[in-house]
PDB file of N, CA and C in Angstrom:
ATOM      1  N   MET A   1       0.903  -1.132  -0.063  1.00  0.00           N
ATOM      2  CA  MET A   1      -0.043   0.039  -0.023  1.00  0.00           C
ATOM      3  C   MET A   1       0.827   1.380  -0.116  1.00  0.00           C
ATOM      4  N   ASN A   2       0.715   2.203  -1.091  1.00  0.00           N
ATOM      5  CA  ASN A   2       1.535   3.528  -0.801  1.00  0.00           C
ATOM      6  C   ASN A   2       0.732   4.538  -0.267  1.00  0.00           C
ATOM      7  N   TYR A   3       1.491   5.693  -0.174  1.00  0.00           N
ATOM      8  CA  TYR A   3       1.002   6.783   0.867  1.00  0.00           C
ATOM      9  C   TYR A   3      -0.277   7.000   0.519  1.00  0.00           C
ATOM     10  N   ARG A   4      -0.691   7.503  -1.167  1.00  0.00           N
ATOM     11  CA  ARG A   4      -1.681   7.890  -1.582  1.00  0.00           C
ATOM     12  C   ARG A   4      -3.080   7.160  -1.250  1.00  0.00           C
ATOM     13  N   GLU A   5      -2.864   5.882  -1.210  1.00  0.00           N
ATOM     14  CA  GLU A   5      -3.869   4.920  -0.921  1.00  0.00           C
ATOM     15  C   GLU A   5      -4.210   4.992   0.394  1.00  0.00           C
ATOM     16  N   LEU A   6      -3.123   4.703   1.357  1.00  0.00           N
ATOM     17  CA  LEU A   6      -3.383   4.824   2.758  1.00  0.00           C
ATOM     18  C   LEU A   6      -4.196   6.450   3.212  1.00  0.00           C
ATOM     19  N   THR A   7      -3.860   7.261   2.788  1.00  0.00           N
ATOM     20  CA  THR A   7      -4.324   8.915   3.065  1.00  0.00           C
ATOM     21  C   THR A   7      -5.729   8.823   2.411  1.00  0.00           C
ATOM     22  N   ARG A   8      -6.067   8.054   1.510  1.00  0.00           N
ATOM     23  CA  ARG A   8      -7.401   8.190   0.720  1.00  0.00           C
ATOM     24  C   ARG A   8      -8.396   7.507   1.763  1.00  0.00           C
ATOM     25  N   ARG A   9      -7.797   6.436   2.351  1.00  0.00           N
ATOM     26  CA  ARG A   9      -8.551   5.331   3.162  1.00  0.00           C
ATOM     27  C   ARG A   9      -8.702   6.112   4.721  1.00  0.00           C
ATOM     28  N   LEU A  10      -7.747   6.655   5.084  1.00  0.00           N
ATOM     29  CA  LEU A  10      -7.949   7.438   6.353  1.00  0.00           C
ATOM     30  C   LEU A  10      -8.687   8.675   6.256  1.00  0.00           C
ATOM     31  N   ASN A  11      -8.630   9.435   5.137  1.00  0.00           N
ATOM     32  CA  ASN A  11      -9.783  10.561   5.197  1.00  0.00           C
ATOM     33  C   ASN A  11     -11.021   9.998   5.212  1.00  0.00           C
ATOM     34  N   HIS A  12     -11.469   8.881   4.649  1.00  0.00           N
ATOM     35  CA  HIS A  12     -12.770   8.358   4.796  1.00  0.00           C
ATOM     36  C   HIS A  12     -13.095   7.827   6.128  1.00  0.00           C
ATOM     37  N   LEU A  13     -12.264   7.824   6.973  1.00  0.00           N
ATOM     38  CA  LEU A  13     -12.473   7.348   8.383  1.00  0.00           C
ATOM     39  C   LEU A  13     -12.106   8.626   9.410  1.00  0.00           C
ATOM     40  N   ASN A  14     -12.448   9.864   9.064  1.00  0.00           N
ATOM     41  CA  ASN A  14     -12.116  11.202   9.490  1.00  0.00           C
ATOM     42  C   ASN A  14     -11.021  11.100  10.100  1.00  0.00           C
ATOM     43  N   CYS A  15      -9.914  11.205   9.475  1.00  0.00           N
ATOM     44  CA  CYS A  15      -8.419  11.212  10.008  1.00  0.00           C
ATOM     45  C   CYS A  15      -7.889  12.545   9.017  1.00  0.00           C
ATOM     46  N   VAL A  16      -7.158  13.312   9.276  1.00  0.00           N
ATOM     47  CA  VAL A  16      -6.983  14.396   8.440  1.00  0.00           C
ATOM     48  C   VAL A  16      -5.542  14.805   8.836  1.00  0.00           C
ATOM     49  N   LEU A  17      -5.099  15.590   7.908  1.00  0.00           N
ATOM     50  CA  LEU A  17      -3.454  15.914   8.080  1.00  0.00           C
ATOM     51  C   LEU A  17      -3.571  17.159   9.006  1.00  0.00           C
ATOM     52  N   ASP A  18      -2.556  16.927  10.230  1.00  0.00           N
ATOM     53  CA  ASP A  18      -2.297  17.984  11.098  1.00  0.00           C
ATOM     54  C   ASP A  18      -1.508  19.075  10.474  1.00  0.00           C
ATOM     55  N   ARG A  19      -0.094  18.458  10.229  1.00  0.00           N
ATOM     56  CA  ARG A  19       0.934  19.394   9.955  1.00  0.00           C
ATOM     57  C   ARG A  19       1.888  18.635   9.203  1.00  0.00           C
ATOM     58  N   GLN A  20       2.848  19.611   8.637  1.00  0.00           N
ATOM     59  CA  GLN A  20       3.888  18.838   7.981  1.00  0.00           C
ATOM     60  C   GLN A  20       5.068  18.611   9.351  1.00  0.00           C
ATOM     61  N   ALA A  21       5.951  17.407   9.084  1.00  0.00           N
ATOM     62  CA  ALA A  21       6.757  17.321  10.155  1.00  0.00           C
ATOM     63  C   ALA A  21       8.065  17.245   9.480  1.00  0.00           C
ATOM     64  N   ARG A  22       9.118  16.941   9.934  1.00  0.00           N
ATOM     65  CA  ARG A  22      10.563  16.856   9.377  1.00  0.00           C
ATOM     66  C   ARG A  22      10.485  16.077   7.888  1.00  0.00           C
ATOM     67  N   GLY A  23      11.339  16.463   7.019  1.00  0.00           N
ATOM     68  CA  GLY A  23      11.501  15.813   5.977  1.00  0.00           C
ATOM     69  C   GLY A  23      10.209  15.191   5.157  1.00  0.00           C
ATOM     70  N   SER A  24      10.265  14.237   4.726  1.00  0.00           N
ATOM     71  CA  SER A  24       9.019  13.678   4.179  1.00  0.00           C
ATOM     72  C   SER A  24       7.742  13.135   5.051  1.00  0.00           C
ATOM     73  N   HIS A  25       7.449  13.522   6.209  1.00  0.00           N
ATOM     74  CA  HIS A  25       6.915  13.136   7.177  1.00  0.00           C
ATOM     75  C   HIS A  25       5.596  13.932   7.480  1.00  0.00           C
ATOM     76  N   GLU A  26       4.626  13.249   7.657  1.00  0.00           N
ATOM     77  CA  GLU A  26       3.487  14.199   8.079  1.00  0.00           C
ATOM     78  C   GLU A  26       2.652  13.761   9.375  1.00  0.00           C
ATOM     79  N   ILE A  27       2.216  14.838  10.115  1.00  0.00           N
ATOM     80  CA  ILE A  27       1.298  14.244  11.382  1.00  0.00           C
ATOM     81  C   ILE A  27      -0.196  14.235  10.980  1.00  0.00           C
ATOM     82  N   TRP A  28      -0.680  13.187  11.088  1.00  0.00           N
ATOM     83  CA  TRP A  28      -2.419  12.925  11.120  1.00  0.00           C
ATOM     84  C   TRP A  28      -2.923  12.624  12.293  1.00  0.00           C
ATOM     85  N   ILE A  29      -4.224  13.298  12.269  1.00  0.00           N
ATOM     86  CA  ILE A  29      -5.160  13.089  13.520  1.00  0.00           C
ATOM     87  C   ILE A  29      -6.246  12.628  13.142  1.00  0.00           C
ATOM     88  N   ASN A  30      -6.718  11.682  14.262  1.00  0.00           N
ATOM     89  CA  ASN A  30      -8.263  11.091  14.139  1.00  0.00           C
ATOM     90  C   ASN A  30      -9.054  11.923  14.717  1.00  0.00           C
ATOM     91  N   LEU A  31     -10.109  12.511  14.071  1.00  0.00           N
ATOM     92  CA  LEU A  31     -10.831  13.620  14.496  1.00  0.00           C
ATOM     93  C   LEU A  31     -11.681  12.859  15.899  1.00  0.00           C
ATOM     94  N   HIS A  32     -12.248  11.663  15.609  1.00  0.00           N
ATOM     95  CA  HIS A  32     -12.762  11.144  16.523  1.00  0.00           C
ATOM     96  C   HIS A  32     -12.027  10.995  17.773  1.00  0.00           C
ATOM     97  N   THR A  33     -10.853  10.426  17.854  1.00  0.00           N
ATOM     98  CA  THR A  33     -10.292  10.157  19.075  1.00  0.00           C
ATOM     99  C   THR A  33      -9.171  11.287  19.614  1.00  0.00           C
ATOM    100  N   GLY A  34      -8.934  12.065  18.788  1.00  0.00           N
ATOM    101  CA  GLY A  34      -7.658  12.850  18.822  1.00  0.00           C
ATOM    102  C   GLY A  34      -6.591  12.311  18.822  1.00  0.00           C
ATOM    103  N   ALA A  35      -6.408  11.021  18.534  1.00  0.00           N
ATOM    104  CA  ALA A  35      -5.000  10.211  18.282  1.00  0.00           C
ATOM    105  C   ALA A  35      -4.078  10.845  17.267  1.00  0.00           C
ATOM    106  N   ARG A  36      -2.714  10.624  17.489  1.00  0.00           N
ATOM    107  CA  ARG A  36      -1.929  11.394  16.464  1.00  0.00           C
ATOM    108  C   ARG A  36      -0.945  10.183  16.041  1.00  0.00           C
ATOM    109  N   THR A  37      -0.615  10.416  14.722  1.00  0.00           N
ATOM    110  CA  THR A  37       0.545   9.598  14.371  1.00  0.00           C
ATOM    111  C   THR A  37       1.455  10.021  13.126  1.00  0.00           C
ATOM    112  N   THR A  38       2.772   9.703  12.900  1.00  0.00           N
ATOM    113  CA  THR A  38       3.512  10.017  11.839  1.00  0.00           C
ATOM    114  C   THR A  38       3.396   9.274  10.472  1.00  0.00           C
ATOM    115  N   ILE A  39       3.100   9.780   9.667  1.00  0.00           N
ATOM    116  CA  ILE A  39       3.001   8.866   8.150  1.00  0.00           C
ATOM    117  C   ILE A  39       3.896   9.596   7.313  1.00  0.00           C
ATOM    118  N   PRO A  40       4.909   8.570   6.736  1.00  0.00           N
ATOM    119  CA  PRO A  40       6.057   9.023   5.625  1.00  0.00           C
ATOM    120  C   PRO A  40       5.247   9.120   4.441  1.00  0.00           C
ATOM    121  N   ASN A  41       5.373  10.337   3.731  1.00  0.00           N
ATOM    122  CA  ASN A  41       4.856  10.762   2.406  1.00  0.00           C
ATOM    123  C   ASN A  41       6.049  10.196   1.531  1.00  0.00           C
ATOM    124  N   TRP A  42       6.035   9.077   0.968  1.00  0.00           N
ATOM    125  CA  TRP A  42       6.794   8.492  -0.046  1.00  0.00           C
ATOM    126  C   TRP A  42       6.341   8.593  -1.250  1.00  0.00           C
ATOM    127  N   GLY A  43       5.006   9.005  -1.545  1.00  0.00           N
ATOM    128  CA  GLY A  43       4.466   8.956  -2.788  1.00  0.00           C
ATOM    129  C   GLY A  43       4.034   7.721  -3.447  1.00  0.00           C
ATOM    130  N   ASN A  44       4.443   7.125  -4.449  1.00  0.00           N
ATOM    131  CA  ASN A  44       4.187   5.867  -4.964  1.00  0.00           C
ATOM    132  C   ASN A  44       4.981   4.854  -4.373  1.00  0.00           C
ATOM    133  N   ARG A  45       5.974   5.020  -3.457  1.00  0.00           N
ATOM    134  CA  ARG A  45       6.655   3.739  -2.795  1.00  0.00           C
ATOM    135  C   ARG A  45       5.666   3.357  -2.074  1.00  0.00           C
ATOM    136  N   ASP A  46       5.836   1.773  -2.006  1.00  0.00           N
ATOM    137  CA  ASP A  46       5.077   1.180  -0.895  1.00  0.00           C
ATOM    138  C   ASP A  46       5.554   1.190   0.608  1.00  0.00           C
ATOM    139  N   LEU A  47       4.478   1.362   1.569  1.00  0.00           N
ATOM    140  CA  LEU A  47       4.992   1.637   2.698  1.00  0.00           C
ATOM    141  C   LEU A  47       4.766  -0.191   3.329  1.00  0.00           C
ATOM    142  N   LYS A  48       5.945  -0.524   4.394  1.00  0.00           N
ATOM    143  CA  LYS A  48       5.980  -1.872   4.657  1.00  0.00           C
ATOM    144  C   LYS A  48       4.307  -2.168   5.692  1.00  0.00           C
ATOM    145  N   PRO A  49       4.034  -3.453   5.499  1.00  0.00           N
ATOM    146  CA  PRO A  49       2.849  -3.610   6.350  1.00  0.00           C
ATOM    147  C   PRO A  49       2.583  -3.424   7.732  1.00  0.00           C
ATOM    148  N   GLY A  50       4.296  -3.645   8.504  1.00  0.00           N
ATOM    149  CA  GLY A  50       4.229  -3.221   9.716  1.00  0.00           C
ATOM    150  C   GLY A  50       3.851  -1.842  10.050  1.00  0.00           C
ATOM    151  N   THR A  51       4.499  -0.970   9.096  1.00  0.00           N
ATOM    152  CA  THR A  51       4.398   0.479   9.149  1.00  0.00           C
ATOM    153  C   THR A  51       2.765   0.948   9.036  1.00  0.00           C
ATOM    154  N   VAL A  52       2.086   0.375   7.983  1.00  0.00           N
ATOM    155  CA  VAL A  52       0.837   0.568   8.158  1.00  0.00           C
ATOM    156  C   VAL A  52      -0.076  -0.048   9.493  1.00  0.00           C
ATOM    157  N   SER A  53       0.371  -1.021   9.897  1.00  0.00           N
ATOM    158  CA  SER A  53      -0.295  -1.610  11.161  1.00  0.00           C
ATOM    159  C   SER A  53      -0.235  -0.510  12.275  1.00  0.00           C
ATOM    160  N   ASN A  54       1.053  -0.221  12.615  1.00  0.00           N
ATOM    161  CA  ASN A  54       1.521   0.774  13.474  1.00  0.00           C
ATOM    162  C   ASN A  54       0.728   2.087  13.221  1.00  0.00           C
ATOM    163  N   ILE A  55       0.559   2.592  11.983  1.00  0.00           N
ATOM    164  CA  ILE A  55      -0.108   3.855  11.958  1.00  0.00           C
ATOM    165  C   ILE A  55      -1.449   3.568  12.208  1.00  0.00           C
ATOM    166  N   LEU A  56      -2.524   2.454  12.197  1.00  0.00           N
ATOM    167  CA  LEU A  56      -3.613   2.204  12.367  1.00  0.00           C
ATOM    168  C   LEU A  56      -3.744   1.966  14.015  1.00  0.00           C
ATOM    169  N   ARG A  57      -2.831   1.576  14.885  1.00  0.00           N
ATOM    170  CA  ARG A  57      -2.729   1.270  15.991  1.00  0.00           C
ATOM    171  C   ARG A  57      -2.564   2.543  16.716  1.00  0.00           C
ATOM    172  N   ASP A  58      -1.667   3.245  16.277  1.00  0.00           N
ATOM    173  CA  ASP A  58      -1.625   4.797  16.889  1.00  0.00           C
ATOM    174  C   ASP A  58      -2.844   5.547  16.406  1.00  0.00           C
ATOM    175  N   LEU A  59      -3.697   5.452  15.548  1.00  0.00           N
ATOM    176  CA  LEU A  59      -4.849   6.263  15.301  1.00  0.00           C
ATOM    177  C   LEU A  59      -6.232   5.597  15.819  1.00  0.00           C
ATOM    178  N   GLY A  60      -5.858   4.340  16.450  1.00  0.00           N
ATOM    179  CA  GLY A  60      -6.879   3.804  17.027  1.00  0.00           C
ATOM    180  C   GLY A  60      -8.174   3.083  15.816  1.00  0.00           C
ATOM    181  N   ILE A  61      -7.466   2.717  15.153  1.00  0.00           N
ATOM    182  CA  ILE A  61      -8.633   2.305  14.088  1.00  0.00           C
ATOM    183  C   ILE A  61      -8.306   0.846  13.838  1.00  0.00           C
ATOM    184  N   ALA A  62      -9.349   0.183  13.866  1.00  0.00           N
ATOM    185  CA  ALA A  62      -9.251  -1.437  13.756  1.00  0.00           C
ATOM    186  C   ALA A  62      -9.273  -1.733  12.177  1.00  0.00           C
ATOM    187  N   LYS A  63      -8.520  -2.782  12.341  1.00  0.00           N
ATOM    188  CA  LYS A  63      -8.037  -3.232  10.480  1.00  0.00           C
ATOM    189  C   LYS A  63      -9.190  -3.415   9.803  1.00  0.00           C
ATOM    190  N   LYS A  64     -10.324  -4.248  10.725  1.00  0.00           N
ATOM    191  CA  LYS A  64     -11.570  -4.711   9.722  1.00  0.00           C
ATOM    192  C   LYS A  64     -12.057  -3.214   9.257  1.00  0.00           C
ATOM    193  N   ASP A  65     -11.996  -2.000   9.986  1.00  0.00           N
ATOM    194  CA  ASP A  65     -12.804  -0.883   9.570  1.00  0.00           C
ATOM    195  C   ASP A  65     -11.831  -0.054   8.474  1.00  0.00           C
ATOM    196  N   PHE A  66     -10.655  -0.375   8.579  1.00  0.00           N
ATOM    197  CA  PHE A  66      -9.630   0.305   7.624  1.00  0.00           C
ATOM    198  C   PHE A  66      -9.834  -0.604   6.255  1.00  0.00           C
ATOM    199  N   GLU A  67     -10.030  -1.874   6.298  1.00  0.00           N
ATOM    200  CA  GLU A  67     -10.066  -2.565   5.146  1.00  0.00           C
ATOM    201  C   GLU A  67     -11.255  -2.652   4.327  1.00  0.00           C
ATOM    202  N   GLY A  68     -12.101  -2.448   5.129  1.00  0.00           N
ATOM    203  CA  GLY A  68     -13.700  -2.035   4.738  1.00  0.00           C
ATOM    204  C   GLY A  68     -13.840  -1.017   3.661  1.00  0.00           C
ATOM    205  N   LYS A  69     -13.025  -0.180   3.847  1.00  0.00           N
ATOM    206  CA  LYS A  69     -13.047   1.094   3.077  1.00  0.00           C
ATOM    207  C   LYS A  69     -12.779   1.135   1.823  1.00  0.00           C
TER     208      LYS A  69
END
């Protein structure tokens, strides 16, 4: 899964870009819970499955909810 696909799905789950972080990273926030996480903006490069899992855990999103979108 690449950055664009990940962020499109997160937007559907009421997560938004909060601010730009260092380098190619961004801080995203879950509007329902207030939880935050850092997401690498690598464009078309695929993110590792463990990275995606950690992002979902940090934002408090269940994997089944994420995969359903």
